[in-house]
Amino acid sequence: MALIYRSVLELDGPQPVEQTRQIFEGWIRTKFRNSRVDVPTDGEVEIDKSNRVVSASAEETAGNVFRGRLVETRADQVIVSTATTIETDAGAWFWFDLSRSAENAWDRPWTPIAPGMVSQVLEGFTCSRGDAGLDENYHQVNGAQGRLLAEQVTNAARDVPFVVLSPTRGELEDGIGPTLERAHEVQRRLAGVSPVYVLGPGSVSSFSKGMLELVGPAMDVHSGATRIYLPGVGADRDWVRRHRVVPLDRFLRKRAPFRVLADFVADSVLRGASHQNPPQPWENFRKLPQFSGGSASDETWDEIAEDYERQLETVEDLKLEIEGFREESIELLLERDDLLRRIYYLEKQVRTSGGNTEAAQEDAPASEPDQCADVVTQVEEETDRIKFGDTALEGAKELDEHSEPSWAKKALRAFRALDAYVARKEEGFEGDFQAFCESGDLSAIPRGWVSLHESGTTDQNARYRELRTFEVPTDVDKSGRAYMDAHIKIERGGYPCPRIHFHDDTQGTGRVYVGWFGPHLDSKSKN
């Protein structure tokens, strides 16, 4: 019997034990369309030959408890739903488990919809877990509320996951109805386990900026993606990839309905929720005879859970070790970039001062910018070999809405590589930019970043070609426009997946013209 859903709620409301017993009874009657079912305080009720209810209760000095268990025997599986309510002087708790066993467990995965009883409890009581409220609906935030959501997500006292959905650019322009449909499907599965939020108009940027200020880069969500924020965001042992991002485009490409995406998101959250401990006051009741029967006692499950937790800690330690190696490699890359920057500066000094490479410390290049728009400005100040069109700056500003400083650093490195390439062409280098990147020059960027041509489907599509055609001086092309299929990949996957599209005119005017520095332009593979 596998546990596939667990909800543990703190309740605020009158007579929680009796009220939840009545909700349980009403849920059974509705589920089986049988108004004659009466759930006793203690005892067993046979609904029909395949389904039965077992209930138990206790009134002790430690508090009151009611437990109702529905056992459904189907042709190929058994499903057990267990609802437990605990009331003590310290408060009240509701705990719902859904377990399943099947003859063919490998047939297909089964991601449950949140049980109807859980939704009714969420509606009938004020429910929470720690500092996080839980109810039966998803919530939309707009404008500056995105910042408030970022503060909730990063709250160290939070002990439940948060799921945050973002709209695509098209949905923001045409209406976020599809985003709300996705949120509805996710909420149906995660009611009682995780709050679900939608970033409405104006809140994507405020949420991104809030996350950047509170915990750093790469912790936001945008462009139609859904992100699962586990408890402990920004803690000492936290890392970015721990908070899973589910891009929308992978489902759109397969034309999968939103319920498939919702299953994918919910599966990860429900798997973790099934490992959480029961309410702490349950320790005072679990060994009572009316609650300790069955093929496996709560104590046995606790031992299994403890062993699992020990193994999980080992896995987490290994993940942290891997993350440490990754951070060390990033530091080495940054150090390399800094050395390349110094070499670039000294080479520039050699060319302009006839061999004098001594540079005053105060004349050294300034620290690298974190904003893509600032990269355009800095490159224009550093060199006359690269020329930007107006659309390039517009795209850079669009990238800056996502608050990802690494894009600016990688783009600056790419532009400096283009500048070094033009300088080499002036000295007689005969290859193209791709050949330059394969030449071993210290200023080059990895060969895999560069593509001098688009795919055939993009080249042959009139709309896609037009999107990649940008203004250039008439001494470059008499029409004043040039198709720029050559591009540099600042990021490989996801969205906005930044790109730099350029035209190499080193054989003519001796310059490189950049028409676009911004999000990935539409193509068949992107759509």
Protein backbone atom coordinates (compact mmCIF):
# COMPACT_ATOMS: atom_id res chain seq x y z
CA MET A 1 0.00 0.00 0.00
CA ALA A 2 1.66 3.21 -1.19
CA LEU A 3 0.90 6.60 0.30
CA ILE A 4 0.26 8.98 -2.62
CA TYR A 5 -1.32 12.01 -0.94
CA ARG A 6 -0.99 13.53 2.53
CA SER A 7 -2.40 16.80 3.83
CA VAL A 8 -1.68 18.03 7.36
CA LEU A 9 -3.58 21.18 8.37
CA GLU A 10 -3.87 23.34 11.45
CA LEU A 11 -7.56 24.14 12.01
CA ASP A 12 -9.25 27.20 13.42
CA GLY A 13 -12.98 26.73 13.95
CA PRO A 14 -15.60 25.47 16.41
CA GLN A 15 -15.89 21.79 17.39
CA PRO A 16 -13.30 20.54 14.89
CA VAL A 17 -13.64 16.84 15.81
CA GLU A 18 -17.41 16.68 15.44
CA GLN A 19 -17.52 19.02 12.45
CA THR A 20 -14.95 17.01 10.49
CA ARG A 21 -16.75 13.75 11.39
CA GLN A 22 -19.91 15.21 9.84
CA ILE A 23 -17.94 16.39 6.78
CA PHE A 24 -16.50 12.87 6.44
CA GLU A 25 -19.98 11.37 6.61
CA GLY A 26 -21.35 13.84 4.05
CA TRP A 27 -18.40 13.16 1.76
CA ILE A 28 -19.10 9.39 1.90
CA ARG A 29 -22.80 9.93 1.16
CA THR A 30 -22.04 12.15 -1.82
CA LYS A 31 -19.29 9.92 -3.14
CA PHE A 32 -21.51 6.82 -3.20
CA ARG A 33 -24.83 8.64 -3.71
CA ASN A 34 -26.19 6.95 -0.62
CA SER A 35 -27.86 9.24 1.91
CA ARG A 36 -28.47 6.35 4.29
CA VAL A 37 -24.82 5.91 5.27
CA ASP A 38 -24.28 6.87 8.90
CA VAL A 39 -20.69 7.00 10.13
CA PRO A 40 -20.57 6.07 13.81
CA THR A 41 -18.08 7.46 16.29
CA ASP A 42 -16.64 3.95 16.58
CA GLY A 43 -17.43 0.96 14.41
CA GLU A 44 -17.63 -0.36 10.86
CA VAL A 45 -20.18 0.31 8.13
CA GLU A 46 -20.46 -1.71 4.91
CA ILE A 47 -21.55 0.54 2.07
CA ASP A 48 -21.71 -2.34 -0.43
CA LYS A 49 -19.79 -5.52 -1.17
CA SER A 50 -16.72 -3.60 -2.32
CA ASN A 51 -16.60 -0.58 -0.02
CA ARG A 52 -16.62 -0.11 3.73
CA VAL A 53 -15.98 2.54 6.37
CA VAL A 54 -14.14 1.98 9.64
CA SER A 55 -14.15 4.67 12.32
CA ALA A 56 -12.60 5.12 15.74
CA SER A 57 -12.40 7.86 18.34
CA ALA A 58 -10.84 8.61 21.70
CA GLU A 59 -11.34 11.13 24.50
CA GLU A 60 -8.25 11.34 26.67
CA THR A 61 -6.75 13.92 28.96
CA ALA A 62 -4.38 14.73 26.08
CA GLY A 63 -7.34 15.62 23.86
CA ASN A 64 -9.96 14.22 21.46
CA VAL A 65 -9.46 12.26 18.24
CA PHE A 66 -11.69 10.98 15.46
CA ARG A 67 -10.45 8.78 12.63
CA GLY A 68 -12.55 7.69 9.65
CA ARG A 69 -11.21 5.27 7.08
CA LEU A 70 -12.80 4.46 3.71
CA VAL A 71 -11.61 1.25 2.04
CA GLU A 72 -12.50 0.91 -1.67
CA THR A 73 -11.86 -2.45 -3.33
CA ARG A 74 -11.88 -2.22 -7.10
CA ALA A 75 -11.20 -4.77 -9.83
CA ASP A 76 -7.47 -4.13 -9.97
CA GLN A 77 -6.66 -1.93 -6.98
CA VAL A 78 -7.45 -1.00 -3.39
CA ILE A 79 -7.73 2.64 -2.34
CA VAL A 80 -7.74 3.67 1.32
CA SER A 81 -8.70 7.21 2.43
CA THR A 82 -8.00 8.06 6.07
CA ALA A 83 -9.20 11.26 7.75
CA THR A 84 -7.99 12.08 11.26
CA THR A 85 -8.86 15.09 13.42
CA ILE A 86 -7.02 15.87 16.67
CA GLU A 87 -8.09 18.49 19.20
CA THR A 88 -5.97 19.43 22.22
CA ASP A 89 -5.57 22.47 24.46
CA ALA A 90 -2.79 23.60 22.11
CA GLY A 91 -5.02 23.60 19.01
CA ALA A 92 -6.61 21.37 16.38
CA TRP A 93 -5.21 19.45 13.41
CA PHE A 94 -6.70 17.67 10.42
CA TRP A 95 -4.74 14.98 8.66
CA PHE A 96 -5.78 13.18 5.46
CA ASP A 97 -3.96 10.25 3.83
CA LEU A 98 -4.73 8.62 0.49
CA SER A 99 -3.07 5.25 -0.15
CA ARG A 100 -3.26 2.90 -3.12
CA SER A 101 -2.17 -0.60 -4.11
CA ALA A 102 -2.64 -2.08 -7.59
CA GLU A 103 -2.22 -5.45 -9.26
CA ASN A 104 -0.28 -3.79 -12.06
CA ALA A 105 1.64 -0.99 -10.37
CA TRP A 106 3.61 -0.32 -13.58
CA ASP A 107 0.56 0.24 -15.78
CA ARG A 108 0.64 4.04 -15.62
CA PRO A 109 1.33 6.67 -12.96
CA TRP A 110 -1.62 7.86 -10.95
CA THR A 111 -1.52 11.45 -9.75
CA PRO A 112 -4.55 11.98 -7.49
CA ILE A 113 -6.92 14.92 -7.45
CA ALA A 114 -7.18 16.33 -3.93
CA PRO A 115 -9.95 14.42 -2.12
CA GLY A 116 -13.29 16.22 -1.91
CA MET A 117 -13.27 16.01 1.87
CA VAL A 118 -10.05 18.03 2.01
CA SER A 119 -11.63 20.77 -0.11
CA GLN A 120 -14.66 20.84 2.22
CA VAL A 121 -12.45 21.15 5.30
CA LEU A 122 -10.51 23.97 3.62
CA GLU A 123 -13.82 25.70 2.93
CA GLY A 124 -15.32 25.12 6.38
CA PHE A 125 -12.31 26.10 8.54
CA THR A 126 -9.50 28.61 8.55
CA CYS A 127 -6.59 26.33 7.66
CA SER A 128 -2.86 26.91 7.79
CA ARG A 129 0.57 25.38 8.20
CA GLY A 130 2.90 27.56 10.22
CA ASP A 131 2.83 31.06 8.70
CA ALA A 132 1.25 29.90 5.43
CA GLY A 133 -2.50 29.95 4.87
CA LEU A 134 -4.17 27.16 2.88
CA ASP A 135 -7.61 27.31 1.28
CA GLU A 136 -9.57 25.76 -1.57
CA ASN A 137 -8.66 28.37 -4.25
CA TYR A 138 -5.60 29.56 -6.12
CA HIS A 139 -4.68 33.26 -5.79
CA GLN A 140 -3.74 35.90 -8.36
CA VAL A 141 -1.34 38.72 -7.49
CA ASN A 142 -1.00 41.90 -9.54
CA GLY A 143 1.45 44.78 -9.77
CA ALA A 144 3.47 45.46 -6.62
CA GLN A 145 1.87 42.45 -4.90
CA GLY A 146 4.56 40.40 -6.66
CA ARG A 147 7.06 41.79 -4.16
CA LEU A 148 4.84 40.71 -1.23
CA LEU A 149 4.65 37.21 -2.70
CA ALA A 150 8.46 37.12 -2.93
CA GLU A 151 8.58 37.92 0.80
CA GLN A 152 6.20 35.02 1.54
CA VAL A 153 8.19 32.63 -0.64
CA THR A 154 11.43 33.54 1.17
CA ASN A 155 9.90 33.44 4.66
CA ALA A 156 12.20 31.18 6.70
CA ALA A 157 9.26 30.02 8.85
CA ARG A 158 7.39 28.57 5.86
CA ASP A 159 7.10 24.78 6.01
CA VAL A 160 4.91 24.05 2.97
CA PRO A 161 5.85 24.35 -0.73
CA PHE A 162 4.55 27.26 -2.80
CA VAL A 163 3.65 26.83 -6.49
CA VAL A 164 3.87 29.98 -8.63
CA LEU A 165 2.64 30.16 -12.24
CA SER A 166 3.60 32.88 -14.69
CA PRO A 167 1.85 33.97 -17.92
CA THR A 168 3.53 34.07 -21.31
CA ARG A 169 4.12 37.40 -23.01
CA GLY A 170 1.19 36.69 -25.32
CA GLU A 171 -1.10 35.92 -22.38
CA LEU A 172 -0.15 39.20 -20.71
CA GLU A 173 -1.12 41.01 -23.91
CA ASP A 174 -4.27 39.04 -24.79
CA GLY A 175 -5.52 37.98 -21.35
CA ILE A 176 -4.24 35.51 -18.77
CA GLY A 177 -7.19 33.14 -19.07
CA PRO A 178 -4.94 30.20 -20.10
CA THR A 179 -2.68 30.88 -17.09
CA LEU A 180 -5.69 30.72 -14.78
CA GLU A 181 -6.76 27.43 -16.40
CA ARG A 182 -3.33 25.97 -15.62
CA ALA A 183 -3.55 27.26 -12.05
CA HIS A 184 -7.00 25.71 -11.63
CA GLU A 185 -5.71 22.30 -12.71
CA VAL A 186 -2.71 22.54 -10.38
CA GLN A 187 -4.90 23.69 -7.47
CA ARG A 188 -7.26 20.71 -7.95
CA ARG A 189 -4.34 18.39 -7.26
CA LEU A 190 -2.56 20.33 -4.53
CA ALA A 191 -5.46 21.59 -2.39
CA GLY A 192 -4.49 21.07 1.24
CA VAL A 193 -0.82 20.59 0.38
CA SER A 194 0.47 23.77 -1.26
CA PRO A 195 -0.78 27.31 -1.93
CA VAL A 196 -0.96 28.09 -5.66
CA TYR A 197 -0.29 31.62 -6.96
CA VAL A 198 -0.60 33.26 -10.38
CA LEU A 199 1.54 36.25 -11.36
CA GLY A 200 -0.94 38.64 -12.95
CA PRO A 201 -0.29 41.85 -14.92
CA GLY A 202 2.59 43.90 -13.55
CA SER A 203 3.61 41.36 -10.92
CA VAL A 204 6.13 39.30 -12.94
CA SER A 205 8.73 42.08 -12.79
CA SER A 206 8.03 43.00 -9.16
CA PHE A 207 8.27 39.34 -8.14
CA SER A 208 11.53 38.88 -10.09
CA LYS A 209 13.07 42.00 -8.57
CA GLY A 210 11.92 40.97 -5.10
CA MET A 211 13.48 37.50 -5.44
CA LEU A 212 16.70 39.05 -6.79
CA GLU A 213 16.95 41.40 -3.80
CA LEU A 214 16.00 38.78 -1.21
CA VAL A 215 17.87 35.67 -2.37
CA GLY A 216 19.80 36.44 -5.56
CA PRO A 217 19.59 35.68 -9.30
CA ALA A 218 17.89 32.78 -11.11
CA MET A 219 15.20 32.38 -8.44
CA ASP A 220 12.27 33.99 -10.27
CA VAL A 221 9.71 32.50 -12.67
CA HIS A 222 8.49 33.97 -15.95
CA SER A 223 7.49 33.34 -19.58
CA GLY A 224 4.71 30.85 -18.88
CA ALA A 225 6.78 28.62 -16.60
CA THR A 226 5.62 27.13 -13.31
CA ARG A 227 7.99 26.94 -10.33
CA ILE A 228 7.84 24.89 -7.14
CA TYR A 229 9.40 26.77 -4.22
CA LEU A 230 10.23 24.30 -1.48
CA PRO A 231 10.58 25.49 2.13
CA GLY A 232 13.96 27.01 2.97
CA VAL A 233 14.44 29.35 0.00
CA GLY A 234 17.70 31.23 0.48
CA ALA A 235 18.86 29.20 3.48
CA ASP A 236 22.54 28.32 3.93
CA ARG A 237 22.07 24.85 2.42
CA ASP A 238 19.73 25.94 -0.35
CA TRP A 239 20.54 25.92 -4.07
CA VAL A 240 18.75 27.25 -7.16
CA ARG A 241 17.90 23.96 -8.86
CA ARG A 242 16.25 22.62 -5.71
CA HIS A 243 13.23 24.75 -6.65
CA ARG A 244 12.03 23.06 -9.80
CA VAL A 245 11.06 25.08 -12.89
CA VAL A 246 8.59 23.52 -15.34
CA PRO A 247 8.70 25.35 -18.72
CA LEU A 248 5.41 25.64 -20.58
CA ASP A 249 6.84 25.26 -24.08
CA ARG A 250 7.70 21.57 -23.66
CA PHE A 251 3.98 20.85 -23.19
CA LEU A 252 2.83 23.24 -25.91
CA ARG A 253 5.16 21.57 -28.43
CA LYS A 254 3.46 18.25 -27.71
CA ARG A 255 0.02 19.90 -27.65
CA ALA A 256 -0.54 18.36 -24.24
CA PRO A 257 -3.60 19.55 -22.28
CA PHE A 258 -3.03 21.61 -19.15
CA ARG A 259 -3.96 18.65 -16.95
CA VAL A 260 -0.79 16.88 -18.14
CA LEU A 261 1.31 19.84 -17.00
CA ALA A 262 -0.62 19.90 -13.71
CA ASP A 263 0.08 16.20 -13.14
CA PHE A 264 3.76 16.81 -13.82
CA VAL A 265 3.92 19.67 -11.31
CA ALA A 266 1.76 17.99 -8.68
CA ASP A 267 3.59 14.67 -8.81
CA SER A 268 6.77 16.20 -7.43
CA VAL A 269 4.97 18.12 -4.67
CA LEU A 270 2.74 15.20 -3.61
CA ARG A 271 5.69 12.84 -3.45
CA GLY A 272 7.40 15.14 -0.96
CA ALA A 273 4.20 15.79 1.00
CA SER A 274 3.73 12.05 1.51
CA HIS A 275 6.95 12.01 3.54
CA GLN A 276 5.93 14.67 6.04
CA ASN A 277 5.28 13.69 9.63
CA PRO A 278 1.77 13.43 11.12
CA PRO A 279 0.78 16.17 13.57
CA GLN A 280 2.96 16.00 16.69
CA PRO A 281 0.03 15.41 19.12
CA TRP A 282 -0.66 12.12 17.31
CA GLU A 283 2.18 10.63 19.38
CA ASN A 284 -0.21 10.65 22.36
CA PHE A 285 -2.82 8.52 20.56
CA ARG A 286 -1.22 6.31 17.93
CA LYS A 287 -0.58 3.34 20.27
CA LEU A 288 -4.14 3.17 21.58
CA PRO A 289 -5.80 -0.17 20.59
CA GLN A 290 -8.42 1.46 18.35
CA PHE A 291 -5.73 3.15 16.25
CA SER A 292 -2.87 0.63 16.19
CA GLY A 293 -4.57 -2.23 14.30
CA GLY A 294 -3.88 -3.27 10.73
CA SER A 295 -1.10 -4.86 8.77
CA ALA A 296 1.40 -2.13 9.58
CA SER A 297 1.36 0.06 12.67
CA ASP A 298 2.10 3.75 12.71
CA GLU A 299 5.27 2.88 14.57
CA THR A 300 6.40 0.67 11.67
CA TRP A 301 5.69 3.45 9.20
CA ASP A 302 7.61 5.87 11.41
CA GLU A 303 10.63 3.57 11.38
CA ILE A 304 10.44 3.35 7.58
CA ALA A 305 10.10 7.13 7.37
CA GLU A 306 13.12 7.65 9.65
CA ASP A 307 15.24 5.33 7.49
CA TYR A 308 14.06 7.17 4.41
CA GLU A 309 14.95 10.51 5.99
CA ARG A 310 18.46 9.26 6.77
CA GLN A 311 18.93 8.19 3.17
CA LEU A 312 17.47 11.48 1.96
CA GLU A 313 19.96 13.41 4.10
CA THR A 314 22.79 11.46 2.48
CA VAL A 315 21.48 12.36 -0.95
CA GLU A 316 21.13 16.00 0.06
CA ASP A 317 24.73 16.04 1.35
CA LEU A 318 25.92 14.67 -1.98
CA LYS A 319 23.89 17.29 -3.83
CA LEU A 320 25.49 20.01 -1.70
CA GLU A 321 28.93 18.61 -2.48
CA ILE A 322 28.14 18.66 -6.20
CA GLU A 323 26.80 22.19 -5.86
CA GLY A 324 30.03 23.18 -4.13
CA PHE A 325 32.06 21.85 -7.05
CA ARG A 326 29.78 23.73 -9.44
CA GLU A 327 30.23 27.00 -7.53
CA GLU A 328 34.00 26.45 -7.51
CA SER A 329 33.96 25.96 -11.29
CA ILE A 330 31.92 29.16 -11.67
CA GLU A 331 34.49 31.05 -9.57
CA LEU A 332 37.28 29.71 -11.79
CA LEU A 333 35.40 30.79 -14.91
CA LEU A 334 34.90 34.26 -13.45
CA GLU A 335 38.60 34.42 -12.61
CA ARG A 336 39.39 33.38 -16.18
CA ASP A 337 37.06 36.07 -17.51
CA ASP A 338 38.79 38.64 -15.33
CA LEU A 339 42.19 37.60 -16.69
CA LEU A 340 40.87 37.77 -20.24
CA ARG A 341 39.53 41.24 -19.50
CA ARG A 342 42.98 42.36 -18.33
CA ILE A 343 44.65 40.81 -21.38
CA TYR A 344 42.10 42.52 -23.59
CA TYR A 345 42.91 45.85 -21.95
CA LEU A 346 46.66 45.36 -22.28
CA GLU A 347 46.34 44.36 -25.94
CA LYS A 348 44.34 47.52 -26.51
CA GLN A 349 47.11 49.50 -24.83
CA VAL A 350 49.69 47.87 -27.10
CA ARG A 351 47.78 48.90 -30.21
CA THR A 352 47.17 52.48 -29.08
CA SER A 353 50.45 53.33 -27.37
CA GLY A 354 53.03 51.64 -29.53
CA GLY A 355 54.04 48.91 -27.12
CA ASN A 356 53.51 50.49 -23.71
CA THR A 357 51.59 47.92 -21.68
CA GLU A 358 51.99 49.59 -18.28
CA ALA A 359 48.56 50.60 -17.06
CA ALA A 360 47.75 52.72 -14.06
CA GLN A 361 45.48 50.88 -11.65
CA GLU A 362 42.88 53.61 -11.74
CA ASP A 363 42.71 53.28 -15.55
CA ALA A 364 41.80 49.58 -15.44
CA PRO A 365 38.39 48.68 -16.87
CA ALA A 366 35.45 49.11 -14.52
CA SER A 367 33.64 46.12 -13.05
CA GLU A 368 31.36 44.30 -15.43
CA PRO A 369 27.71 45.43 -15.62
CA ASP A 370 24.78 43.33 -14.37
CA GLN A 371 22.26 44.81 -16.82
CA CYS A 372 22.13 43.91 -20.51
CA ALA A 373 21.29 47.48 -21.54
CA ASP A 374 24.44 48.66 -19.73
CA VAL A 375 26.45 46.10 -21.72
CA VAL A 376 25.39 47.82 -24.95
CA THR A 377 26.48 51.18 -23.56
CA GLN A 378 29.82 49.84 -22.34
CA VAL A 379 30.67 48.10 -25.61
CA GLU A 380 29.85 51.27 -27.56
CA GLU A 381 32.30 53.15 -25.31
CA GLU A 382 35.02 50.49 -25.60
CA THR A 383 35.11 49.96 -29.35
CA ASP A 384 34.13 51.40 -32.69
CA ARG A 385 34.31 48.01 -34.42
CA ILE A 386 30.81 46.92 -33.23
CA LYS A 387 27.73 48.91 -34.15
CA PHE A 388 24.32 48.40 -32.49
CA GLY A 389 20.94 49.02 -34.06
CA ASP A 390 18.09 50.54 -32.02
CA THR A 391 16.32 47.17 -31.83
CA ALA A 392 19.35 45.65 -30.08
CA LEU A 393 18.98 48.05 -27.16
CA GLU A 394 15.22 47.44 -26.99
CA GLY A 395 15.81 43.70 -26.74
CA ALA A 396 18.45 44.18 -24.05
CA LYS A 397 16.02 46.19 -21.94
CA GLU A 398 13.48 43.40 -22.34
CA LEU A 399 16.02 40.89 -20.99
CA ASP A 400 16.65 43.10 -17.97
CA GLU A 401 13.04 42.61 -16.87
CA HIS A 402 14.06 39.06 -15.88
CA SER A 403 16.85 40.13 -13.49
CA GLU A 404 19.49 37.60 -14.58
CA PRO A 405 22.98 39.19 -14.20
CA SER A 406 24.80 36.21 -15.79
CA TRP A 407 23.31 37.12 -19.18
CA ALA A 408 25.00 40.51 -19.08
CA LYS A 409 28.38 39.00 -18.20
CA LYS A 410 28.19 36.34 -20.92
CA ALA A 411 27.01 38.90 -23.49
CA LEU A 412 29.90 41.26 -22.65
CA ARG A 413 32.30 38.38 -23.15
CA ALA A 414 30.68 37.61 -26.52
CA PHE A 415 30.88 41.22 -27.72
CA ARG A 416 34.54 41.44 -26.69
CA ALA A 417 35.18 38.27 -28.65
CA LEU A 418 33.55 39.90 -31.71
CA ASP A 419 35.73 42.97 -31.20
CA ALA A 420 38.87 40.83 -30.95
CA TYR A 421 37.78 38.99 -34.10
CA VAL A 422 37.48 42.25 -36.06
CA ALA A 423 40.92 43.28 -34.79
CA ARG A 424 42.36 39.97 -36.01
CA LYS A 425 40.69 40.53 -39.41
CA GLU A 426 42.44 43.90 -39.60
CA GLU A 427 45.73 42.04 -39.05
CA GLY A 428 44.99 39.64 -41.90
CA PHE A 429 43.06 36.77 -40.30
CA GLU A 430 41.24 34.97 -43.14
CA GLY A 431 38.62 32.90 -41.32
CA ASP A 432 35.10 33.77 -40.13
CA PHE A 433 34.00 34.33 -36.52
CA GLN A 434 33.44 30.63 -35.96
CA ALA A 435 36.96 29.87 -37.15
CA PHE A 436 38.26 32.59 -34.82
CA CYS A 437 36.55 30.87 -31.88
CA GLU A 438 38.28 27.61 -32.88
CA SER A 439 41.69 29.26 -33.25
CA GLY A 440 42.63 29.19 -29.57
CA ASP A 441 42.64 32.98 -29.22
CA LEU A 442 42.31 33.90 -25.53
CA SER A 443 39.54 36.37 -26.33
CA ALA A 444 37.38 33.78 -28.11
CA ILE A 445 34.14 32.31 -26.78
CA PRO A 446 33.26 28.58 -26.87
CA ARG A 447 32.60 27.27 -30.38
CA GLY A 448 29.21 25.93 -29.24
CA TRP A 449 27.95 29.45 -28.53
CA VAL A 450 28.19 30.43 -32.20
CA SER A 451 25.95 29.57 -35.13
CA LEU A 452 26.51 31.36 -38.44
CA HIS A 453 23.27 30.12 -40.00
CA GLU A 454 19.68 29.42 -39.03
CA SER A 455 17.92 26.14 -39.72
CA GLY A 456 16.36 25.52 -43.12
CA THR A 457 12.82 25.84 -41.73
CA THR A 458 13.65 29.29 -40.39
CA ASP A 459 15.47 30.43 -43.53
CA GLN A 460 12.58 29.38 -45.74
CA ASN A 461 9.85 30.94 -43.61
CA ALA A 462 9.09 34.51 -44.69
CA ARG A 463 7.90 35.64 -41.24
CA TYR A 464 10.90 34.19 -39.43
CA ARG A 465 13.32 35.75 -41.95
CA GLU A 466 11.65 39.12 -41.52
CA LEU A 467 12.05 38.91 -37.73
CA ARG A 468 15.81 38.46 -38.28
CA THR A 469 16.18 41.28 -40.81
CA PHE A 470 17.49 44.53 -39.27
CA GLU A 471 18.55 48.00 -40.33
CA VAL A 472 22.15 48.57 -41.46
CA PRO A 473 23.89 51.55 -43.13
CA THR A 474 23.37 51.78 -46.87
CA ASP A 475 27.12 51.32 -47.45
CA VAL A 476 26.63 47.83 -46.00
CA ASP A 477 23.52 47.05 -48.04
CA LYS A 478 21.83 49.43 -50.48
CA SER A 479 18.39 48.44 -49.13
CA GLY A 480 19.35 49.60 -45.65
CA ARG A 481 18.46 46.18 -44.24
CA ALA A 482 20.28 42.85 -43.82
CA TYR A 483 19.16 39.33 -42.89
CA MET A 484 21.15 38.41 -39.77
CA ASP A 485 21.02 34.63 -39.44
CA ALA A 486 24.41 34.52 -37.65
CA HIS A 487 23.85 34.49 -33.92
CA ILE A 488 25.41 33.85 -30.50
CA LYS A 489 23.56 31.74 -27.93
CA ILE A 490 23.80 33.39 -24.52
CA GLU A 491 21.52 30.72 -23.02
CA ARG A 492 20.74 27.36 -24.57
CA GLY A 493 17.27 26.45 -23.30
CA GLY A 494 14.06 27.76 -21.78
CA TYR A 495 12.77 31.27 -22.30
CA PRO A 496 13.75 34.04 -22.93
CA CYS A 497 16.87 32.12 -24.09
CA PRO A 498 18.86 35.30 -25.06
CA ARG A 499 20.38 35.61 -28.53
CA ILE A 500 22.72 38.07 -30.29
CA HIS A 501 22.06 38.36 -34.04
CA PHE A 502 24.79 40.06 -36.05
CA HIS A 503 26.02 40.81 -39.58
CA ASP A 504 29.72 40.34 -40.30
CA ASP A 505 30.85 43.13 -42.66
CA THR A 506 34.56 42.86 -41.93
CA GLN A 507 35.17 42.39 -45.66
CA GLY A 508 33.39 45.66 -46.42
CA THR A 509 33.15 48.42 -43.82
CA GLY A 510 35.39 46.51 -41.40
CA ARG A 511 32.72 46.29 -38.70
CA VAL A 512 30.22 43.92 -37.14
CA TYR A 513 26.60 45.14 -36.97
CA VAL A 514 24.35 43.85 -34.15
CA GLY A 515 20.66 43.92 -35.03
CA TRP A 516 19.27 42.06 -32.02
CA PHE A 517 20.37 41.39 -28.45
CA GLY A 518 17.30 40.04 -26.69
CA PRO A 519 14.93 37.08 -26.21
CA HIS A 520 14.97 34.20 -28.69
CA LEU A 521 13.11 35.27 -31.83
CA ASP A 522 10.20 33.14 -33.00
CA SER A 523 11.03 29.98 -34.92
CA LYS A 524 9.37 26.63 -35.55
CA SER A 525 11.40 24.90 -32.82
CA LYS A 526 10.69 27.68 -30.29
CA ASN A 527 6.95 27.72 -31.01
